Amino acid sequence: MTLKNKEHQDFPVLTNSAQDGIVNQETFFDRKIANNTNDYYIVKPDDFVYNPRISKLAPYGPIRRNKLEITGVMSPLYYVFSLKSNTNKDYLSYYFISSTWYKFMIENGNTGARSDRFAIKDSIFQRMPIMLPIQNEQTKIGKLFNIIDKDISLQQRKLDLLKQLKKGLLQKMFADKAQVQPSLRFKPFSGNWCQNKMGDFIKEFSQKSQIEDEYPTLSSTNKGMENRNGRVDGKSNIGYKIIENGDLVLSPQNLWLGNININKIGVGIVSPSYKTFKFKNGINPDFIKPQLRTKRMLFNYENASTQGASVVRRNLDLKSFLEIKIYKPFDIKEENDISLIFNLLESLVAYHKSKLQYFTKLKKFLLQQMFI
């Protein structure tokens, strides 16, 4: 039985997010949304809440459990219910994260007058059948998903910490116009760094493929280099540019958004629309790589381009790009030591990202297989 806030008690207002579950509304939206909470439903710890708002993550609206360990209130647009004593709360939490109950919603409700909400009568929603194994099996299934969720949270925290560490080291281990010596250095290095131009380090080249599918087709994106695993839109790739490991690749129209990469995938071909460069002797590409997408460099890229016909595209002025200033140490050993640090960070990020993807996929698979 659900209770309404008839006595105007000062409970925090909660909301049901498909991605984050039950959260404090003011924290979630960074501001207070609801002022008059009279007749709002009272939501106790471990109560379940159905939100009829649909989304890509919750095509029939999310059903989530209040894990906040506090009592709050929710809009009367939601449906609040609690468990009977013989049902494991963790089991039911993950049951509703699965898609097992979608069939009932499809057969008994509809999208209603508003396209962003699913319409189902409370009396019908209450009749939803839920298949429950014996209590011991419910407990084991709930524990299994709790372990997987803890692993997902752990990998996400590690990723976030590594990204914060990289951001901090980028600010401290490189010199620039405002600070010609980095504030964090390896011993025994000292002294100012020297100013160079991007053109001092790279030289444009263009070697075209002559044979269809001779090399894998690669693509440069704002997130990194990607293997297309085939032709782009089925088109011929004769005349594409051949690149090798360590080559610099950028999109002339999207450089200002950070579409610039150093190829680490291996020999491949890229669209003729890309600009391709080789590094000259005397510079370690791995020293340049961490700096390519810093805020300072993005600002420089924007200044090295002009507005195109489309508001989302700018056209690279190659001469201005080659004039961008880069600072480097006089001692190649300091340059290599810095490169090793950022290579290690990149490897750790890739490792924990792959583990996060593994546990996320495992959870998705088990959600599909362990409920009926």
Foldseek 3Di string as FASTA:
>chain_A
DWDWPQVQDPFFEWDQDLVPGIDRPCVVVVHDDDDDRGRFIKAAAQKWKFAQFADPQRNRTAIAGRNVRGIHTYHPNMDIGHDDPQADSLLVRLLRSFCVQVVLLVVAWACPPDVRGIDHDPVSVVPRDFDDDGSVVSVVVSVVVVVLVVLLVVLVVVLVVLVVVLVVCVQAVFADPVGQHGNDFDPPDDDGWDKDFLLVWKDWDFDWAADWPPFFEWEFDQVEIDTPRDDDVNDTRGGFGKDAQQKKKAQQWCVLVRRIYGDPPGIHTYHPNIIIIHTDPPADSLLCGSVSPDPVNSVQQVVQWAQDPDNNTTGGNVVSNRGDMGTDHPDVVRSVVVSVVVVVSVVSSVVSVVSSVVSVVVSNVCSHPVGD
